[in-house]
Amino acid sequence: MQRRDIEFAARWWQWAMAIPADRNPVSDETGEFAGEQQPADVWFLAGTFGGKVSRKCSVPFGRPIFFPAFNILQKSSLFARRVPVIPTASGHAELNGVSLPLREVANRSPFLVDAVPDAPFGPAGRYRANAWGLWCRLDDLRRGDYILTLGGEYEPGGFWVEVTYDLEIV
């Protein structure tokens, strides 16, 4: 697990929870909102709240792309700082049909989240959280078109996610 991945995972949650449901990339079914509130130094991609979706988006050349195949967040408190690990979770990612490595990333130190009203993740407010997930980072993609597939599941036959991105690096 690399320090940069831990930072990106926390920032991904901060990004995803700061966007209202009607424009949130996680609930987006087409890729129309993939560029919503993207930071300048990384491009985040999103899974779903369950099920399958296909999206199309353009990503600026030169930015690393960071996304979860499967992830989970848990509010933390002074007495409950446990990282929500799910050992039965699995995930995958492929770029143009070639398997990509996933990294298990755990945010052991709580980070701040500002969940906006109407965010699709639950109640609004500021709180500390811990997170865990199976993540992938793509560095140095050349300009061009790519097909990225990602997905994960929690226990076979349980909660699952499957996303296909038609990416254009511009």
Protein backbone atom coordinates (compact mmCIF):
# COMPACT_ATOMS: atom_id res chain seq x y z
CA MET A 1 0.00 0.00 0.00
CA GLN A 2 1.49 3.30 -1.05
CA ARG A 3 1.07 6.55 0.85
CA ARG A 4 -0.25 8.29 -2.26
CA ASP A 5 -2.99 5.66 -2.64
CA ILE A 6 -4.07 6.19 0.99
CA GLU A 7 -4.28 9.94 0.34
CA PHE A 8 -6.16 9.45 -2.94
CA ALA A 9 -8.66 7.06 -1.32
CA ALA A 10 -9.51 9.63 1.38
CA ARG A 11 -9.75 12.36 -1.23
CA TRP A 12 -11.99 10.16 -3.42
CA TRP A 13 -14.48 9.87 -0.55
CA GLN A 14 -14.29 13.61 0.13
CA TRP A 15 -14.93 14.25 -3.59
CA ALA A 16 -17.81 11.76 -3.91
CA MET A 17 -19.58 12.98 -0.76
CA ALA A 18 -19.29 16.65 -1.69
CA ILE A 19 -21.49 16.30 -4.80
CA PRO A 20 -25.32 16.26 -4.63
CA ALA A 21 -27.10 13.13 -5.87
CA ASP A 22 -28.48 14.73 -9.04
CA ARG A 23 -24.92 15.42 -10.31
CA ASN A 24 -22.98 12.73 -8.45
CA PRO A 25 -20.65 10.58 -10.59
CA VAL A 26 -21.51 7.48 -8.53
CA SER A 27 -25.21 7.71 -9.40
CA ASP A 28 -24.51 8.91 -12.98
CA GLU A 29 -25.61 6.38 -15.60
CA THR A 30 -23.96 7.89 -18.70
CA GLY A 31 -20.74 9.64 -17.67
CA GLU A 32 -22.33 13.07 -18.06
CA PHE A 33 -21.18 14.06 -14.57
CA ALA A 34 -17.77 12.33 -14.56
CA GLY A 35 -16.00 15.69 -14.59
CA GLU A 36 -17.94 17.11 -11.65
CA GLN A 37 -15.63 18.82 -9.12
CA GLN A 38 -12.54 16.92 -10.29
CA PRO A 39 -9.31 17.99 -8.56
CA ALA A 40 -6.46 19.39 -10.66
CA ASP A 41 -3.91 16.67 -9.84
CA VAL A 42 -5.89 13.41 -10.23
CA TRP A 43 -9.00 12.17 -12.06
CA PHE A 44 -11.43 10.10 -10.02
CA LEU A 45 -13.74 7.54 -11.56
CA ALA A 46 -16.72 6.07 -9.75
CA GLY A 47 -18.41 2.73 -9.34
CA THR A 48 -22.14 2.49 -8.66
CA PHE A 49 -24.48 1.97 -5.72
CA GLY A 50 -24.94 -1.54 -7.06
CA GLY A 51 -25.56 -2.99 -10.49
CA LYS A 52 -24.18 -2.41 -13.95
CA VAL A 53 -23.66 0.82 -15.91
CA SER A 54 -21.76 2.05 -18.98
CA ARG A 55 -20.29 5.55 -19.06
CA LYS A 56 -18.36 7.69 -21.49
CA CYS A 57 -16.01 10.49 -20.48
CA SER A 58 -12.93 12.46 -21.43
CA VAL A 59 -9.96 12.67 -19.08
CA PRO A 60 -7.26 15.36 -19.35
CA PHE A 61 -3.90 14.01 -20.49
CA GLY A 62 -1.24 13.86 -17.79
CA ARG A 63 -3.48 13.15 -14.80
CA PRO A 64 -3.36 9.88 -12.92
CA ILE A 65 -6.72 8.10 -12.84
CA PHE A 66 -7.80 6.62 -9.50
CA PHE A 67 -10.87 4.50 -8.83
CA PRO A 68 -12.30 1.80 -6.57
CA ALA A 69 -13.33 -1.63 -7.76
CA PHE A 70 -14.98 -2.02 -4.36
CA ASN A 71 -14.89 0.31 -1.35
CA ILE A 72 -16.58 1.07 1.95
CA LEU A 73 -16.61 3.99 4.38
CA GLN A 74 -17.44 4.04 8.07
CA LYS A 75 -17.88 7.01 10.37
CA SER A 76 -15.35 7.00 13.16
CA SER A 77 -15.51 8.36 16.67
CA LEU A 78 -13.18 8.68 19.61
CA PHE A 79 -14.09 5.13 20.63
CA ALA A 80 -14.77 3.56 17.23
CA ARG A 81 -11.86 3.96 14.83
CA ARG A 82 -11.97 0.52 13.29
CA VAL A 83 -11.19 0.25 9.59
CA PRO A 84 -14.16 -1.46 7.88
CA VAL A 85 -12.32 -4.32 6.15
CA ILE A 86 -14.41 -6.80 4.15
CA PRO A 87 -12.31 -9.93 3.62
CA THR A 88 -14.93 -11.55 1.37
CA ALA A 89 -14.93 -8.65 -1.10
CA SER A 90 -13.34 -9.13 -4.49
CA GLY A 91 -12.70 -6.85 -7.42
CA HIS A 92 -11.29 -6.57 -10.91
CA ALA A 93 -10.22 -3.94 -13.43
CA GLU A 94 -9.18 -4.26 -17.06
CA LEU A 95 -7.92 -1.72 -19.55
CA ASN A 96 -8.57 -2.74 -23.16
CA GLY A 97 -8.98 -6.32 -21.95
CA VAL A 98 -5.71 -6.44 -19.98
CA SER A 99 -6.01 -7.07 -16.22
CA LEU A 100 -4.88 -4.24 -13.95
CA PRO A 101 -3.47 -4.68 -10.45
CA LEU A 102 -5.76 -3.73 -7.57
CA ARG A 103 -4.35 -2.54 -4.27
CA GLU A 104 -5.96 -3.05 -0.91
CA VAL A 105 -6.01 0.41 0.66
CA ALA A 106 -7.03 1.07 4.26
CA ASN A 107 -7.27 4.58 5.73
CA ARG A 108 -6.24 3.73 9.30
CA SER A 109 -6.13 7.39 10.32
CA PRO A 110 -9.58 9.00 10.20
CA PHE A 111 -10.06 11.75 7.63
CA LEU A 112 -12.61 14.57 7.45
CA VAL A 113 -15.63 14.29 5.20
CA ASP A 114 -18.07 17.10 4.38
CA ALA A 115 -21.21 15.39 3.09
CA VAL A 116 -23.46 17.88 1.31
CA PRO A 117 -27.23 17.92 1.65
CA ASP A 118 -28.80 15.65 -0.95
CA ALA A 119 -25.60 13.61 -1.22
CA PRO A 120 -26.43 10.04 -2.17
CA PHE A 121 -24.40 8.56 0.69
CA GLY A 122 -26.58 9.51 3.64
CA PRO A 123 -26.96 12.38 6.07
CA ALA A 124 -25.23 15.68 5.45
CA GLY A 125 -22.62 16.99 7.83
CA ARG A 126 -18.97 17.02 8.74
CA TYR A 127 -17.46 13.96 10.36
CA ARG A 128 -14.40 11.78 10.56
CA ALA A 129 -14.32 8.47 8.71
CA ASN A 130 -12.19 5.44 7.99
CA ALA A 131 -12.31 3.62 4.68
CA TRP A 132 -11.17 0.44 3.03
CA GLY A 133 -11.23 -0.73 -0.55
CA LEU A 134 -9.71 -2.38 -3.57
CA TRP A 135 -8.32 0.45 -5.68
CA CYS A 136 -6.51 0.99 -8.96
CA ARG A 137 -4.34 3.86 -10.14
CA LEU A 138 -3.43 4.42 -13.77
CA ASP A 139 -0.47 6.68 -14.45
CA ASP A 140 0.77 8.00 -17.77
CA LEU A 141 -1.95 6.94 -20.18
CA ARG A 142 -1.24 8.24 -23.67
CA ARG A 143 -3.76 10.30 -25.56
CA GLY A 144 -6.35 8.10 -27.19
CA ASP A 145 -9.39 5.90 -26.59
CA TYR A 146 -9.61 3.15 -23.99
CA ILE A 147 -12.18 0.75 -22.60
CA LEU A 148 -11.92 0.40 -18.84
CA THR A 149 -13.99 -2.15 -16.98
CA LEU A 150 -14.12 -2.35 -13.22
CA GLY A 151 -16.21 -4.11 -10.68
CA GLY A 152 -16.44 -5.86 -7.41
CA GLU A 153 -18.69 -7.82 -5.14
CA TYR A 154 -19.29 -8.48 -1.50
CA GLU A 155 -19.84 -12.18 -1.02
CA PRO A 156 -20.75 -14.15 -4.12
CA GLY A 157 -24.32 -13.38 -5.10
CA GLY A 158 -24.53 -10.38 -2.78
CA PHE A 159 -23.89 -6.70 -3.47
CA TRP A 160 -22.05 -6.18 -6.77
CA VAL A 161 -20.84 -3.39 -9.05
CA GLU A 162 -19.86 -3.50 -12.71
CA VAL A 163 -18.87 -0.42 -14.75
CA THR A 164 -17.60 -0.01 -18.28
CA TYR A 165 -15.98 3.31 -19.12
CA ASP A 166 -15.39 4.44 -22.68
CA LEU A 167 -12.48 6.77 -21.90
CA GLU A 168 -10.86 9.33 -24.13
CA ILE A 169 -7.59 10.81 -22.90
CA VAL A 170 -7.43 14.32 -24.39
